[in-house]
Amino acid sequence: EKTSKDLVIADYFDISVLINDNNNNKLGSISELTKDIELVIVLPEKYINTNKNVNRIYYVIREHDGKVEILKDVEVSEDGKSIIFKSNKFSTYALAYVDEIIENELSKY
């Protein structure tokens, strides 16, 4: 419910780890690790916040084995062009965001 009501779903992506042999034949895939790893996603240009009057908060939503959850601790790179998050599951993800207007002294009048 929170996903559909409050957040703008920007894009979907699939993170997969495939295991191949030396002849590039697929042997299988890994869907989960025992520990989180850091993942960096380069934002498509149309989702980069360029409005100085708006604070864009990014979210990563993961669907894994039928369970959907919003990941915590999504960071934006210093240049604002990528997001960084941690996960131990390789699944279907959605990039989402919400824009908050930054109040300044002029906007109050």
N, C-alpha and C. Protein backbone atom coordinates (compact mmCIF):
# COMPACT_ATOMS: atom_id res chain seq x y z
N GLU A 1 0.82 -1.20 0.00
CA GLU A 1 0.00 0.00 0.00
C GLU A 1 0.85 1.26 0.00
N LYS A 2 1.88 1.30 0.86
CA LYS A 2 2.72 2.49 0.92
C LYS A 2 3.34 2.74 -0.45
N THR A 3 3.76 1.69 -1.11
CA THR A 3 4.41 1.84 -2.41
C THR A 3 3.48 2.53 -3.40
N SER A 4 2.24 2.11 -3.49
CA SER A 4 1.36 2.67 -4.50
C SER A 4 0.82 4.04 -4.12
N LYS A 5 0.72 4.35 -2.84
CA LYS A 5 0.12 5.61 -2.42
C LYS A 5 1.10 6.77 -2.34
N ASP A 6 2.29 6.54 -1.81
CA ASP A 6 3.19 7.64 -1.49
C ASP A 6 4.37 7.81 -2.45
N LEU A 7 4.81 6.76 -3.06
CA LEU A 7 6.03 6.80 -3.85
C LEU A 7 5.76 6.79 -5.34
N VAL A 8 6.62 7.46 -6.09
CA VAL A 8 6.59 7.40 -7.55
C VAL A 8 7.51 6.26 -7.95
N ILE A 9 6.97 5.26 -8.63
CA ILE A 9 7.80 4.16 -9.13
C ILE A 9 8.45 4.63 -10.42
N ALA A 10 9.76 4.75 -10.40
CA ALA A 10 10.49 5.29 -11.53
C ALA A 10 10.87 4.21 -12.54
N ASP A 11 11.37 3.09 -12.05
CA ASP A 11 11.90 2.08 -12.96
C ASP A 11 12.01 0.75 -12.24
N TYR A 12 12.05 -0.33 -13.01
CA TYR A 12 12.24 -1.68 -12.48
C TYR A 12 13.55 -2.21 -13.01
N PHE A 13 14.22 -3.04 -12.23
CA PHE A 13 15.43 -3.68 -12.70
C PHE A 13 15.60 -5.02 -12.02
N ASP A 14 16.36 -5.88 -12.66
CA ASP A 14 16.60 -7.23 -12.16
C ASP A 14 18.09 -7.36 -11.89
N ILE A 15 18.43 -7.79 -10.70
CA ILE A 15 19.83 -8.05 -10.37
C ILE A 15 19.98 -9.56 -10.25
N SER A 16 20.78 -10.12 -11.14
CA SER A 16 21.00 -11.57 -11.16
C SER A 16 22.49 -11.86 -11.17
N VAL A 17 22.85 -12.95 -10.53
CA VAL A 17 24.22 -13.45 -10.58
C VAL A 17 24.16 -14.83 -11.22
N LEU A 18 24.72 -14.93 -12.41
CA LEU A 18 24.70 -16.18 -13.15
C LEU A 18 26.06 -16.86 -13.07
N ILE A 19 26.06 -18.17 -12.99
CA ILE A 19 27.29 -18.94 -12.93
C ILE A 19 27.44 -19.65 -14.27
N ASN A 20 28.57 -19.38 -14.94
CA ASN A 20 28.87 -19.99 -16.23
C ASN A 20 30.17 -20.79 -16.14
N ASP A 21 30.31 -21.79 -17.02
CA ASP A 21 31.57 -22.51 -17.09
C ASP A 21 32.51 -21.77 -18.04
N ASN A 22 33.68 -22.33 -18.30
CA ASN A 22 34.68 -21.68 -19.15
C ASN A 22 34.21 -21.51 -20.59
N ASN A 23 33.21 -22.30 -21.01
CA ASN A 23 32.66 -22.18 -22.37
C ASN A 23 31.43 -21.30 -22.41
N ASN A 24 31.19 -20.56 -21.33
CA ASN A 24 30.06 -19.65 -21.20
C ASN A 24 28.71 -20.35 -21.18
N ASN A 25 28.69 -21.62 -20.79
CA ASN A 25 27.43 -22.35 -20.61
C ASN A 25 26.91 -22.05 -19.21
N LYS A 26 25.61 -21.75 -19.13
CA LYS A 26 25.02 -21.41 -17.84
C LYS A 26 24.93 -22.66 -16.97
N LEU A 27 25.51 -22.57 -15.77
CA LEU A 27 25.45 -23.68 -14.82
C LEU A 27 24.38 -23.46 -13.76
N GLY A 28 24.03 -22.21 -13.52
CA GLY A 28 23.05 -21.92 -12.50
C GLY A 28 23.08 -20.45 -12.14
N SER A 29 22.48 -20.13 -11.00
CA SER A 29 22.46 -18.75 -10.55
C SER A 29 22.47 -18.73 -9.03
N ILE A 30 22.82 -17.59 -8.50
CA ILE A 30 22.83 -17.37 -7.06
C ILE A 30 21.71 -16.38 -6.77
N SER A 31 20.83 -16.72 -5.84
CA SER A 31 19.73 -15.80 -5.53
C SER A 31 19.88 -15.14 -4.17
N GLU A 32 20.82 -15.65 -3.35
CA GLU A 32 20.97 -15.09 -2.01
C GLU A 32 22.37 -15.35 -1.48
N LEU A 33 22.89 -14.38 -0.72
CA LEU A 33 24.17 -14.51 -0.05
C LEU A 33 23.95 -14.54 1.46
N THR A 34 24.97 -14.92 2.20
CA THR A 34 24.84 -14.93 3.66
C THR A 34 25.03 -13.54 4.25
N LYS A 35 25.70 -12.63 3.52
CA LYS A 35 25.93 -11.27 4.00
C LYS A 35 25.55 -10.27 2.91
N ASP A 36 25.21 -9.06 3.35
CA ASP A 36 24.90 -7.99 2.40
C ASP A 36 26.14 -7.57 1.63
N ILE A 37 25.92 -7.16 0.38
CA ILE A 37 26.96 -6.51 -0.39
C ILE A 37 26.44 -5.13 -0.80
N GLU A 38 27.35 -4.23 -1.12
CA GLU A 38 26.96 -2.89 -1.54
C GLU A 38 26.71 -2.88 -3.03
N LEU A 39 25.59 -2.32 -3.43
CA LEU A 39 25.22 -2.21 -4.84
C LEU A 39 25.09 -0.74 -5.20
N VAL A 40 25.58 -0.38 -6.38
CA VAL A 40 25.51 0.99 -6.86
C VAL A 40 24.73 0.98 -8.17
N ILE A 41 23.69 1.79 -8.23
CA ILE A 41 22.88 1.91 -9.44
C ILE A 41 23.03 3.32 -9.98
N VAL A 42 23.46 3.44 -11.23
CA VAL A 42 23.54 4.75 -11.88
C VAL A 42 22.11 5.16 -12.25
N LEU A 43 21.73 6.34 -11.81
CA LEU A 43 20.37 6.82 -12.07
C LEU A 43 20.23 7.26 -13.52
N PRO A 44 19.14 6.85 -14.18
CA PRO A 44 18.86 7.42 -15.49
C PRO A 44 18.72 8.94 -15.34
N GLU A 45 19.18 9.67 -16.32
CA GLU A 45 19.22 11.13 -16.23
C GLU A 45 17.86 11.74 -15.85
N LYS A 46 16.78 11.16 -16.34
CA LYS A 46 15.45 11.73 -16.07
C LYS A 46 15.04 11.61 -14.60
N TYR A 47 15.75 10.80 -13.80
CA TYR A 47 15.41 10.66 -12.39
C TYR A 47 16.37 11.39 -11.45
N ILE A 48 17.35 12.07 -12.01
CA ILE A 48 18.29 12.85 -11.20
C ILE A 48 17.62 14.17 -10.84
N ASN A 49 17.65 14.49 -9.57
CA ASN A 49 17.02 15.73 -9.11
C ASN A 49 17.89 16.93 -9.47
N THR A 50 17.33 17.84 -10.25
CA THR A 50 18.06 19.05 -10.62
C THR A 50 17.39 20.30 -10.06
N ASN A 51 16.31 20.13 -9.33
CA ASN A 51 15.56 21.25 -8.76
C ASN A 51 16.06 21.53 -7.35
N LYS A 52 16.67 22.68 -7.15
CA LYS A 52 17.23 23.03 -5.84
C LYS A 52 16.16 23.31 -4.79
N ASN A 53 14.91 23.46 -5.21
CA ASN A 53 13.81 23.69 -4.27
C ASN A 53 13.13 22.39 -3.84
N VAL A 54 13.67 21.26 -4.31
CA VAL A 54 13.08 19.96 -4.00
C VAL A 54 14.15 19.04 -3.43
N ASN A 55 13.77 18.33 -2.38
CA ASN A 55 14.61 17.28 -1.83
C ASN A 55 14.02 15.96 -2.30
N ARG A 56 14.72 15.27 -3.18
CA ARG A 56 14.23 13.98 -3.69
C ARG A 56 14.80 12.87 -2.82
N ILE A 57 13.91 12.07 -2.28
CA ILE A 57 14.31 10.94 -1.45
C ILE A 57 14.06 9.67 -2.27
N TYR A 58 15.13 8.90 -2.47
CA TYR A 58 15.05 7.68 -3.27
C TYR A 58 14.81 6.47 -2.37
N TYR A 59 14.10 5.50 -2.93
CA TYR A 59 13.82 4.24 -2.25
C TYR A 59 14.13 3.10 -3.22
N VAL A 60 14.51 1.97 -2.66
CA VAL A 60 14.66 0.76 -3.44
C VAL A 60 13.68 -0.25 -2.85
N ILE A 61 12.83 -0.80 -3.72
CA ILE A 61 11.85 -1.78 -3.32
C ILE A 61 12.27 -3.12 -3.92
N ARG A 62 12.31 -4.14 -3.08
CA ARG A 62 12.77 -5.47 -3.55
C ARG A 62 11.64 -6.47 -3.44
N GLU A 63 11.48 -7.28 -4.50
CA GLU A 63 10.57 -8.42 -4.46
C GLU A 63 11.45 -9.66 -4.54
N HIS A 64 11.39 -10.48 -3.50
CA HIS A 64 12.20 -11.69 -3.46
C HIS A 64 11.35 -12.82 -2.87
N ASP A 65 11.19 -13.88 -3.63
CA ASP A 65 10.39 -15.04 -3.21
C ASP A 65 8.99 -14.64 -2.77
N GLY A 66 8.38 -13.69 -3.49
CA GLY A 66 7.02 -13.28 -3.20
C GLY A 66 6.87 -12.25 -2.10
N LYS A 67 7.96 -11.86 -1.46
CA LYS A 67 7.91 -10.87 -0.39
C LYS A 67 8.42 -9.53 -0.91
N VAL A 68 7.63 -8.48 -0.71
CA VAL A 68 8.01 -7.14 -1.17
C VAL A 68 8.38 -6.31 0.04
N GLU A 69 9.52 -5.64 -0.03
CA GLU A 69 9.94 -4.78 1.08
C GLU A 69 10.69 -3.56 0.56
N ILE A 70 10.56 -2.47 1.30
CA ILE A 70 11.31 -1.25 1.00
C ILE A 70 12.62 -1.34 1.77
N LEU A 71 13.73 -1.26 1.05
CA LEU A 71 15.04 -1.36 1.69
C LEU A 71 15.35 -0.06 2.42
N LYS A 72 16.05 -0.18 3.52
CA LYS A 72 16.44 0.98 4.31
C LYS A 72 17.85 1.40 3.92
N ASP A 73 18.20 2.60 4.32
CA ASP A 73 19.56 3.11 4.14
C ASP A 73 19.99 3.23 2.69
N VAL A 74 19.14 3.79 1.86
CA VAL A 74 19.52 4.09 0.48
C VAL A 74 20.23 5.43 0.49
N GLU A 75 21.43 5.47 -0.05
CA GLU A 75 22.22 6.70 -0.08
C GLU A 75 22.32 7.22 -1.51
N VAL A 76 22.51 8.51 -1.62
CA VAL A 76 22.75 9.13 -2.92
C VAL A 76 24.22 9.50 -2.99
N SER A 77 24.85 9.26 -4.13
CA SER A 77 26.26 9.61 -4.29
C SER A 77 26.44 11.13 -4.19
N GLU A 78 27.67 11.55 -3.95
CA GLU A 78 27.96 12.99 -3.80
C GLU A 78 27.52 13.80 -5.01
N ASP A 79 27.69 13.23 -6.20
CA ASP A 79 27.32 13.97 -7.41
C ASP A 79 25.83 13.84 -7.74
N GLY A 80 25.09 13.04 -6.94
CA GLY A 80 23.65 12.89 -7.14
C GLY A 80 23.26 12.04 -8.33
N LYS A 81 24.22 11.33 -8.92
CA LYS A 81 23.93 10.59 -10.14
C LYS A 81 23.77 9.08 -9.95
N SER A 82 23.93 8.62 -8.72
CA SER A 82 23.73 7.19 -8.46
C SER A 82 23.24 6.99 -7.04
N ILE A 83 22.68 5.82 -6.81
CA ILE A 83 22.25 5.46 -5.47
C ILE A 83 23.03 4.24 -5.01
N ILE A 84 23.20 4.14 -3.71
CA ILE A 84 23.98 3.06 -3.12
C ILE A 84 23.08 2.41 -2.06
N PHE A 85 23.03 1.09 -2.08
CA PHE A 85 22.27 0.36 -1.07
C PHE A 85 22.90 -1.00 -0.87
N LYS A 86 22.47 -1.70 0.18
CA LYS A 86 23.00 -3.01 0.49
C LYS A 86 21.89 -4.04 0.41
N SER A 87 22.25 -5.23 -0.05
CA SER A 87 21.31 -6.33 -0.12
C SER A 87 22.07 -7.64 -0.16
N ASN A 88 21.44 -8.70 0.26
CA ASN A 88 22.03 -10.03 0.13
C ASN A 88 21.18 -10.91 -0.78
N LYS A 89 20.20 -10.30 -1.43
CA LYS A 89 19.30 -11.05 -2.31
C LYS A 89 19.37 -10.49 -3.73
N PHE A 90 19.36 -11.39 -4.70
CA PHE A 90 19.37 -11.00 -6.10
C PHE A 90 17.98 -11.29 -6.65
N SER A 91 17.28 -10.23 -7.01
CA SER A 91 15.85 -10.32 -7.29
C SER A 91 15.42 -9.23 -8.25
N THR A 92 14.12 -9.00 -8.26
CA THR A 92 13.53 -7.88 -8.99
C THR A 92 13.45 -6.69 -8.03
N TYR A 93 13.86 -5.54 -8.53
CA TYR A 93 13.87 -4.32 -7.72
C TYR A 93 13.11 -3.22 -8.46
N ALA A 94 12.67 -2.25 -7.69
CA ALA A 94 12.06 -1.05 -8.27
C ALA A 94 12.75 0.15 -7.65
N LEU A 95 13.02 1.13 -8.48
CA LEU A 95 13.54 2.42 -8.03
C LEU A 95 12.33 3.32 -7.84
N ALA A 96 12.23 3.94 -6.68
CA ALA A 96 11.11 4.83 -6.39
C ALA A 96 11.63 6.09 -5.72
N TYR A 97 10.80 7.11 -5.71
CA TYR A 97 11.21 8.35 -5.04
C TYR A 97 9.99 9.13 -4.60
N VAL A 98 10.25 10.07 -3.73
CA VAL A 98 9.24 11.04 -3.32
C VAL A 98 9.96 12.39 -3.26
N ASP A 99 9.30 13.43 -3.75
CA ASP A 99 9.87 14.78 -3.73
C ASP A 99 9.25 15.58 -2.59
N GLU A 100 10.10 16.22 -1.82
CA GLU A 100 9.65 17.11 -0.75
C GLU A 100 10.08 18.52 -1.09
N ILE A 101 9.16 19.45 -1.02
CA ILE A 101 9.47 20.86 -1.28
C ILE A 101 10.31 21.39 -0.13
N ILE A 102 11.40 22.07 -0.46
CA ILE A 102 12.25 22.69 0.55
C ILE A 102 11.69 24.07 0.85
N GLU A 103 11.33 24.27 2.08
CA GLU A 103 10.78 25.56 2.51
C GLU A 103 11.94 26.55 2.69
N ASN A 104 11.77 27.73 2.13
CA ASN A 104 12.74 28.80 2.38
C ASN A 104 11.97 30.06 2.75
N GLU A 105 12.66 31.07 3.12
CA GLU A 105 12.00 32.29 3.61
C GLU A 105 11.08 32.91 2.54
N LEU A 106 11.46 32.86 1.27
CA LEU A 106 10.65 33.48 0.22
C LEU A 106 9.38 32.67 -0.05
N SER A 107 9.45 31.33 0.12
CA SER A 107 8.28 30.51 -0.19
C SER A 107 7.18 30.66 0.85
N LYS A 108 7.46 31.30 1.98
CA LYS A 108 6.46 31.47 3.02
C LYS A 108 5.51 32.62 2.72
N TYR A 109 5.89 33.51 1.77
CA TYR A 109 5.08 34.70 1.51
C TYR A 109 4.23 34.53 0.29
